[in-house]
Protein backbone atom coordinates (compact mmCIF):
# COMPACT_ATOMS: atom_id res chain seq x y z
CA MET A 1 -254.00 7.46 110.26
CA THR A 2 -251.39 9.84 111.74
CA SER A 3 -247.87 8.78 110.81
CA THR A 4 -245.06 8.43 113.44
CA LEU A 5 -243.02 10.83 111.42
CA ASN A 6 -245.86 13.45 111.35
CA VAL A 7 -246.43 13.17 115.14
CA ASN A 8 -242.71 13.67 115.83
CA ASP A 9 -242.50 16.67 113.50
CA ARG A 10 -245.55 18.20 115.20
CA ILE A 11 -244.29 17.79 118.70
CA GLU A 12 -240.71 18.73 117.77
CA LYS A 13 -241.97 22.12 116.63
CA HIS A 14 -244.18 22.30 119.72
CA PHE A 15 -241.40 21.48 122.07
CA ALA A 16 -239.18 24.08 120.49
CA GLY A 17 -241.43 26.66 122.20
CA PHE A 18 -240.20 25.31 125.59
CA ASP A 19 -236.67 26.42 124.97
CA GLY A 20 -237.09 29.54 127.14
CA ARG A 21 -238.53 27.50 129.97
CA LEU A 22 -236.06 24.69 130.06
CA SER A 23 -233.95 26.24 132.75
CA ASP A 24 -236.90 26.60 135.06
CA LEU A 25 -238.10 23.04 134.23
CA ARG A 26 -234.64 21.65 135.03
CA ASP A 27 -234.54 23.58 138.38
CA ARG A 28 -238.02 22.47 139.33
CA TYR A 29 -237.32 18.88 138.47
CA LYS A 30 -234.14 18.90 140.47
CA THR A 31 -235.97 20.26 143.51
CA GLU A 32 -239.35 18.56 143.24
CA HIS A 33 -238.72 15.41 141.13
CA TYR A 34 -241.84 16.65 139.25
CA ILE A 35 -242.60 19.08 136.47
CA GLU A 36 -245.50 19.70 134.12
CA ILE A 37 -245.23 19.92 130.38
CA ASP A 38 -248.21 22.17 129.55
CA PRO A 39 -249.57 21.93 126.96
CA PHE A 40 -248.09 18.50 126.18
CA VAL A 41 -249.04 18.50 122.49
CA PRO A 42 -250.77 21.02 120.19
CA GLU A 43 -254.41 21.52 120.72
CA ASP A 44 -255.62 19.65 117.68
CA LEU A 45 -253.42 16.68 118.48
CA GLN A 46 -254.76 16.71 122.10
CA ALA A 47 -258.36 16.58 120.74
CA ALA A 48 -257.54 13.78 118.26
CA ALA A 49 -255.75 11.71 120.97
CA HIS A 50 -258.71 12.27 123.33
CA THR A 51 -261.13 10.89 120.73
CA GLU A 52 -258.72 7.91 120.23
CA LEU A 53 -258.55 7.27 124.00
CA GLU A 54 -262.34 7.35 124.49
CA GLY A 55 -262.57 4.79 121.70
CA LEU A 56 -260.00 2.54 123.31
CA PHE A 57 -261.79 2.67 126.66
CA ALA A 58 -265.11 1.86 125.03
CA ALA A 59 -263.58 -1.25 123.32
CA ASN A 60 -260.85 -2.47 125.63
CA ALA A 61 -261.34 -1.32 129.29
CA ARG A 62 -260.91 -3.81 132.11
CA ARG A 63 -262.17 -3.04 135.65
CA ARG A 64 -259.69 -3.74 138.46
CA ASP A 65 -260.36 -3.97 142.24
CA LEU A 66 -257.42 -5.53 144.15
CA LEU A 67 -254.68 -5.04 146.61
CA VAL A 68 -251.12 -5.04 145.25
CA ALA A 69 -248.78 -6.98 147.62
CA GLN A 70 -245.57 -5.51 146.18
CA SER A 71 -246.50 -1.94 147.38
CA GLY A 72 -247.61 -3.02 150.82
CA ASN A 73 -251.17 -4.24 150.00
CA THR A 74 -252.36 -0.92 148.71
CA PRO A 75 -255.64 -0.69 146.72
CA ARG A 76 -256.24 -0.30 143.01
CA ARG A 77 -259.84 0.49 141.95
CA TYR A 78 -260.24 1.82 138.45
CA SER A 79 -260.66 0.79 134.83
CA ASN A 80 -257.55 0.35 132.68
CA ILE A 81 -256.31 -0.48 129.18
CA ASP A 82 -253.10 -2.47 128.64
CA ARG A 83 -250.29 -1.58 126.29
CA ASP A 84 -251.12 -4.16 123.72
CA ALA A 85 -254.68 -2.88 123.20
CA ILE A 86 -253.35 0.73 122.81
CA HIS A 87 -250.62 -0.56 120.41
CA GLN A 88 -253.04 -2.45 118.31
CA ASP A 89 -255.96 0.02 118.09
CA GLY A 90 -254.29 3.29 118.91
CA ASP A 91 -252.38 5.63 116.58
CA ILE A 92 -251.32 8.94 118.13
CA ILE A 93 -250.69 7.59 121.64
CA PRO A 94 -248.23 4.90 120.57
CA ALA A 95 -246.50 7.24 118.11
CA ILE A 96 -245.76 9.83 120.73
CA TYR A 97 -244.04 7.17 122.87
CA ARG A 98 -241.68 6.47 119.98
CA ALA A 99 -241.15 10.14 119.00
CA PRO A 100 -237.47 11.10 119.25
CA ALA A 101 -238.44 14.69 120.10
CA LEU A 102 -240.06 13.52 123.33
CA TYR A 103 -236.83 11.74 124.44
CA GLU A 104 -234.78 14.73 123.61
CA LEU A 105 -236.96 17.05 125.70
CA LEU A 106 -237.02 14.76 128.65
CA GLY A 107 -233.31 14.21 128.48
CA SER A 108 -232.76 17.91 128.47
CA ILE A 109 -234.86 18.31 131.63
CA VAL A 110 -233.45 15.45 133.73
CA GLY A 111 -229.90 15.81 132.55
CA GLU A 112 -229.30 12.23 131.37
CA ARG A 113 -230.26 9.86 128.63
CA VAL A 114 -233.87 8.76 128.65
CA LEU A 115 -234.68 5.37 127.16
CA PRO A 116 -237.80 3.17 126.48
CA VAL A 117 -238.43 0.58 129.20
CA PRO A 118 -237.22 -2.88 128.35
CA TYR A 119 -240.45 -4.47 129.56
CA THR A 120 -243.03 -4.12 126.75
CA PRO A 121 -246.27 -4.14 128.88
CA GLU A 122 -245.11 -1.13 130.79
CA GLU A 123 -244.31 1.14 127.79
CA TYR A 124 -247.69 2.78 128.04
CA ILE A 125 -251.02 2.12 129.71
CA ALA A 126 -254.13 4.11 130.33
CA SER A 127 -256.28 4.35 133.53
CA ARG A 128 -259.70 5.86 134.32
CA LEU A 129 -260.98 6.55 137.84
CA HIS A 130 -264.68 7.22 137.50
CA GLU A 131 -266.65 5.68 140.47
CA PRO A 132 -266.83 6.97 144.04
CA ASN A 133 -263.76 5.69 146.06
CA ASP A 134 -261.80 4.76 142.96
CA VAL A 135 -258.19 5.08 143.80
CA HIS A 136 -254.69 4.34 142.50
CA GLY A 137 -253.14 3.55 145.89
CA TRP A 138 -249.57 4.26 147.17
CA HIS A 139 -246.95 2.66 145.01
CA TRP A 140 -243.63 3.04 143.23
CA ASP A 141 -242.97 2.43 139.53
CA ASP A 142 -240.66 -0.27 138.26
CA TYR A 143 -238.66 2.20 136.17
CA THR A 144 -237.21 5.64 136.77
CA TRP A 145 -239.75 7.99 135.09
CA ALA A 146 -243.38 8.24 134.39
CA VAL A 147 -244.95 10.84 132.11
CA VAL A 148 -248.67 11.04 132.78
CA TRP A 149 -250.71 12.72 130.02
CA VAL A 150 -254.03 14.14 131.33
CA PHE A 151 -257.22 13.87 129.41
CA LYS A 152 -259.85 14.36 132.09
CA MET A 153 -259.44 15.66 135.65
CA PRO A 154 -262.03 16.24 138.33
CA PRO A 155 -262.10 19.44 140.39
CA VAL A 156 -259.62 19.16 143.30
CA GLU A 157 -262.43 18.86 145.85
CA HIS A 158 -263.54 15.58 144.14
CA GLY A 159 -260.14 13.90 144.47
CA GLY A 160 -257.84 12.66 141.74
CA SER A 161 -254.81 14.71 142.76
CA LEU A 162 -251.37 13.23 142.59
CA GLU A 163 -249.70 12.85 146.06
CA TYR A 164 -246.09 11.90 146.38
CA ILE A 165 -243.22 11.58 148.80
CA LYS A 166 -239.88 12.15 147.04
CA ASP A 167 -236.71 10.41 147.97
CA ALA A 168 -238.54 7.51 149.51
CA PRO A 169 -236.90 4.47 147.85
CA TRP A 170 -238.84 1.26 147.48
CA ASP A 171 -237.81 -1.54 149.92
CA ARG A 172 -239.43 -4.34 148.04
CA GLU A 173 -239.03 -6.77 150.97
CA ASN A 174 -240.64 -4.38 153.46
CA PRO A 175 -242.31 -1.46 151.67
CA GLN A 176 -244.16 0.12 154.61
CA PRO A 177 -246.05 2.85 152.70
CA GLU A 178 -248.08 3.90 155.76
CA LYS A 179 -244.88 4.70 157.78
CA LEU A 180 -243.43 6.65 154.83
CA VAL A 181 -246.67 8.65 154.38
CA ALA A 182 -246.74 9.43 158.18
CA GLN A 183 -243.15 10.68 158.00
CA GLY A 184 -243.90 12.85 154.85
CA PRO A 185 -243.65 15.38 153.65
CA VAL A 186 -246.45 14.66 151.13
CA TRP A 187 -246.39 16.86 148.01
CA THR A 188 -249.82 17.38 146.20
CA ARG A 189 -250.22 18.33 142.56
CA HIS A 190 -253.40 18.72 140.49
CA PRO A 191 -252.41 19.04 136.84
CA GLY A 192 -254.82 20.29 134.30
CA VAL A 193 -256.31 18.68 131.12
CA GLY A 194 -253.77 18.79 128.30
CA ALA A 195 -250.77 18.82 130.58
CA ALA A 196 -248.37 15.90 131.11
CA TYR A 197 -246.43 15.60 134.33
CA LEU A 198 -243.00 14.03 134.62
CA LEU A 199 -242.33 12.27 137.85
CA LYS A 200 -239.28 10.43 139.14
CA ALA A 201 -241.49 7.57 139.94
CA ASP A 202 -239.05 4.85 141.07
CA THR A 203 -237.97 6.75 144.30
CA ALA A 204 -241.19 8.79 144.79
CA LEU A 205 -243.88 6.88 146.72
CA HIS A 206 -247.04 8.20 145.05
CA ARG A 207 -250.76 7.72 144.62
CA VAL A 208 -253.84 9.27 143.06
CA LYS A 209 -256.20 10.43 145.75
CA PRO A 210 -259.57 8.64 145.91
CA LEU A 211 -262.55 10.09 144.18
CA SER A 212 -265.15 11.33 146.70
CA VAL A 213 -267.97 11.19 144.14
CA ALA A 214 -268.57 9.85 140.66
CA ASP A 215 -266.32 12.00 138.38
CA GLU A 216 -263.53 11.18 135.97
CA ARG A 217 -259.79 11.16 135.84
CA MET A 218 -258.58 9.68 132.61
CA ILE A 219 -254.80 9.50 131.75
CA VAL A 220 -252.21 7.79 129.66
CA CYS A 221 -248.98 6.88 131.44
CA TYR A 222 -245.74 6.56 129.55
CA SER A 223 -242.80 4.77 131.31
CA PHE A 224 -239.09 5.55 130.65
CA ALA A 225 -235.82 4.07 131.88
CA THR A 226 -232.22 4.97 132.52
CA GLU A 227 -229.19 3.11 131.26
CA ALA A 228 -228.86 1.61 134.81
CA ASP A 229 -232.50 0.39 134.67
CA LEU A 230 -231.60 -1.83 131.70
CA GLN A 231 -228.85 -3.51 133.58
CA ARG A 232 -230.69 -4.59 136.70
CA PRO A 233 -233.25 -7.35 137.27
CA VAL A 234 -236.84 -6.03 137.72
CA ASP A 235 -239.76 -7.81 139.42
CA HIS A 236 -242.82 -7.09 137.37
CA SER A 237 -245.34 -8.71 139.84
CA SER A 238 -247.36 -5.61 140.32
CA MET A 239 -247.71 -5.11 136.56
CA ALA A 240 -248.70 -8.75 136.14
CA ALA A 241 -251.46 -8.22 138.73
CA LEU A 242 -252.90 -5.11 137.05
CA TYR A 243 -252.35 -6.15 133.45
CA PRO A 244 -252.26 -9.97 133.50
CA GLU A 245 -253.22 -10.43 129.82
CA SER A 246 -250.33 -8.24 128.53
CA HIS A 247 -247.88 -9.67 130.96
CA ALA A 248 -248.77 -13.25 129.91
CA ARG A 249 -248.26 -12.49 126.23
CA HIS A 250 -244.83 -11.05 126.71
CA GLU A 251 -243.48 -12.95 129.71
CA GLY A 252 -245.65 -16.16 129.94
């Protein structure tokens, strides 16, 4: 087993190598509400986490195919793993979410304090698009930031790219994703394996483009909050639809 302390020490040393890039990362985040941390972890830690994640999918994956009302009835077709399965059977992936070095790096990029989310099922999840027409449809996140760690990514012509519209706040009573997409502009990013991207996901309407063929996009998503997020009520209906077992354990 890899201790939390060891993981933090490893990524603290790794992130120290980003010092010369912090100014550029801050500027890009301010402009784009998106940056890539590449590579996210040292190569051997990436390989070990990949093995861990493959085992988690083999043992715990659930297939989802539904429309999510809270984001305007946009589709979700993929396999996923909830936070509790990762927490119980994982090692490296949960440890990185708790690593102080990660919070320090993120805070230095976004310019404010970064906190764990207060809703346990949304701390970290994993998803895998792997069948033709699999898609993570247009949506917003419940909390301010998402950090998406990439383990598998198809070539861009097969789909799987992130598309987003920044500064498109979520009107939960009348989301109208189609109208917002038509108004644009739509930003497209296709991060590589081993990178993690940081997205201001509460005000960016975003999706993962559908797969045009059988291929694979496999990621872990970590969620983070601001101080203000902790003070406001949050409707977790979309998470309850996608991760019903975990939601029931913690909120039922």
